[in-house]
Amino acid sequence: MSDNDKLPKPTVFDQLYPGRFIKAGELLGKKVTLTVAEVNMEKLVGDDGQKKAKAIITFKETEKGLVMCKTNGLCLREMFGTVLADWVGKRVTIFPDTWNGEPAIRIWGSPDIERDLSVTVTLPRRKPFARALKKVEVAS
């Protein structure tokens, strides 16, 4: 193996099986701010083996995309509005979290909002819950 083929030493399980999408473990417990490049729809095979339409967001800083759960979609809508073209170029800060005991990626906030916000997330067969979205300060 040449030096050009050498890969960084993995430190968490999610780094052992890289893929097209960002995984919670790859964030290494840190908040990461990324710039939205595109928002698309794609059919992906779910855990049940069935193809389902999913929202995919891509970023300028990485080749990996993020499969958008409804919770994250509602957070982005609260921060940036309902017109998806308006999301492009906006910065979003993501962080690793858990959902039903499983690793998940959630929206922390954005440097591009004027103030902290709160969004009520309503999902099927769940009690509505509030998510805080933070005005993120970035080092200049």
Protein backbone atom coordinates (compact mmCIF):
# COMPACT_ATOMS: atom_id res chain seq x y z
CA MET A 1 0.00 0.00 0.00
CA SER A 2 1.43 3.39 -0.97
CA ASP A 3 1.24 6.45 1.28
CA ASN A 4 -1.48 7.83 -1.01
CA ASP A 5 -3.67 4.80 -0.20
CA LYS A 6 -3.28 5.06 3.58
CA LEU A 7 -6.53 5.88 5.33
CA PRO A 8 -6.91 7.57 8.71
CA LYS A 9 -7.13 5.20 11.69
CA PRO A 10 -10.81 4.71 12.61
CA THR A 11 -11.76 5.64 16.16
CA VAL A 12 -15.50 4.80 16.17
CA PHE A 13 -17.54 1.97 14.65
CA ASP A 14 -19.31 4.19 12.07
CA GLN A 15 -15.93 4.96 10.47
CA LEU A 16 -15.42 1.27 9.67
CA TYR A 17 -18.26 1.26 7.13
CA PRO A 18 -18.26 4.59 5.30
CA GLY A 19 -21.14 5.32 3.00
CA ARG A 20 -22.91 8.10 1.09
CA PHE A 21 -24.54 9.59 4.17
CA ILE A 22 -23.26 11.20 7.36
CA LYS A 23 -23.59 8.92 10.40
CA ALA A 24 -23.96 10.18 13.97
CA GLY A 25 -20.80 8.39 15.14
CA GLU A 26 -18.71 10.15 12.50
CA LEU A 27 -19.36 13.48 14.26
CA LEU A 28 -17.25 12.19 17.18
CA GLY A 29 -19.52 13.85 19.74
CA LYS A 30 -19.02 17.32 18.25
CA LYS A 31 -21.28 19.94 16.74
CA VAL A 32 -20.43 20.54 13.06
CA THR A 33 -21.52 23.50 10.95
CA LEU A 34 -22.07 22.83 7.24
CA THR A 35 -23.39 24.89 4.32
CA VAL A 36 -26.44 23.60 2.44
CA ALA A 37 -25.66 22.87 -1.23
CA GLU A 38 -28.86 21.12 -2.36
CA VAL A 39 -32.11 19.61 -1.13
CA ASN A 40 -33.41 16.63 -3.12
CA MET A 41 -35.71 13.62 -2.89
CA GLU A 42 -34.50 10.08 -3.43
CA LYS A 43 -35.98 6.60 -3.03
CA LEU A 44 -34.03 4.67 -0.41
CA VAL A 45 -34.50 1.14 0.88
CA GLY A 46 -35.64 1.22 4.51
CA ASP A 47 -35.13 -1.27 7.33
CA ASP A 48 -38.26 -3.10 6.13
CA GLY A 49 -36.73 -3.63 2.66
CA GLN A 50 -39.20 -1.26 0.99
CA LYS A 51 -38.22 1.79 -1.06
CA LYS A 52 -39.47 5.07 0.36
CA ALA A 53 -39.04 8.65 -0.78
CA LYS A 54 -36.66 10.50 1.55
CA ALA A 55 -35.40 14.06 1.64
CA ILE A 56 -31.63 14.30 1.18
CA ILE A 57 -29.64 17.42 1.98
CA THR A 58 -26.11 17.85 0.63
CA PHE A 59 -23.41 20.21 1.83
CA LYS A 60 -20.55 22.19 0.31
CA GLU A 61 -17.97 20.93 2.82
CA THR A 62 -18.45 17.17 2.35
CA GLU A 63 -19.40 14.66 -0.32
CA LYS A 64 -21.68 12.96 2.20
CA GLY A 65 -25.33 13.83 2.38
CA LEU A 66 -27.78 13.73 5.26
CA VAL A 67 -31.02 11.76 5.10
CA MET A 68 -33.56 14.15 6.56
CA CYS A 69 -35.95 12.84 9.18
CA LYS A 70 -39.12 14.85 9.70
CA THR A 71 -37.81 16.33 12.98
CA ASN A 72 -34.78 17.81 11.21
CA GLY A 73 -36.92 18.97 8.29
CA LEU A 74 -39.25 20.85 10.63
CA CYS A 75 -36.25 22.46 12.33
CA LEU A 76 -34.85 23.65 8.99
CA ARG A 77 -38.28 24.97 7.96
CA GLU A 78 -38.49 26.96 11.20
CA MET A 79 -35.05 28.47 10.63
CA PHE A 80 -35.10 29.08 6.87
CA GLY A 81 -38.73 29.02 5.69
CA THR A 82 -40.76 26.81 3.38
CA VAL A 83 -39.02 27.63 0.08
CA LEU A 84 -36.27 25.04 -0.29
CA ALA A 85 -34.22 27.22 -2.64
CA ASP A 86 -33.86 29.65 0.28
CA TRP A 87 -32.06 26.94 2.28
CA VAL A 88 -29.20 26.75 -0.23
CA GLY A 89 -26.17 28.66 1.05
CA LYS A 90 -27.45 28.66 4.64
CA ARG A 91 -25.30 27.16 7.37
CA VAL A 92 -26.70 24.50 9.65
CA THR A 93 -25.11 23.07 12.79
CA ILE A 94 -25.71 19.37 13.37
CA PHE A 95 -24.85 17.21 16.37
CA PRO A 96 -25.03 13.55 17.41
CA ASP A 97 -28.00 12.59 19.55
CA THR A 98 -30.15 9.51 20.17
CA TRP A 99 -33.70 8.59 19.14
CA ASN A 100 -35.36 5.50 20.61
CA GLY A 101 -31.96 4.43 21.93
CA GLU A 102 -30.32 4.62 18.49
CA PRO A 103 -27.70 7.14 17.29
CA ALA A 104 -29.23 10.04 15.36
CA ILE A 105 -28.18 13.36 13.90
CA ARG A 106 -30.13 16.41 14.99
CA ILE A 107 -30.16 20.10 14.13
CA TRP A 108 -28.58 22.30 16.82
CA GLY A 109 -29.14 25.63 15.06
CA SER A 110 -27.44 27.97 12.63
CA PRO A 111 -25.17 30.99 12.45
CA ASP A 112 -27.66 32.34 9.89
CA ILE A 113 -30.62 32.87 12.23
CA GLU A 114 -31.10 36.13 14.11
CA ARG A 115 -31.97 34.62 17.49
CA ASP A 116 -32.67 31.33 19.28
CA LEU A 117 -35.91 29.70 18.12
CA SER A 118 -38.21 26.94 19.29
CA VAL A 119 -40.15 24.53 17.10
CA THR A 120 -42.88 22.09 18.14
CA VAL A 121 -42.39 18.74 16.44
CA THR A 122 -45.53 16.70 15.84
CA LEU A 123 -44.99 13.15 14.61
CA PRO A 124 -47.55 10.37 14.07
CA ARG A 125 -48.39 8.37 17.21
CA ARG A 126 -46.17 10.60 19.39
CA LYS A 127 -46.80 13.43 21.81
CA PRO A 128 -45.67 16.78 20.33
CA PHE A 129 -42.34 17.94 21.71
CA ALA A 130 -40.32 21.17 21.53
CA ARG A 131 -36.85 21.49 20.01
CA ALA A 132 -34.63 24.48 20.77
CA LEU A 133 -32.69 25.91 17.83
CA LYS A 134 -29.67 27.99 18.74
CA LYS A 135 -28.12 31.05 17.13
CA VAL A 136 -24.65 29.60 16.61
CA GLU A 137 -21.62 31.81 17.04
CA VAL A 138 -18.78 30.95 14.68
CA ALA A 139 -15.16 31.91 15.08
CA SER A 140 -14.09 34.56 12.59
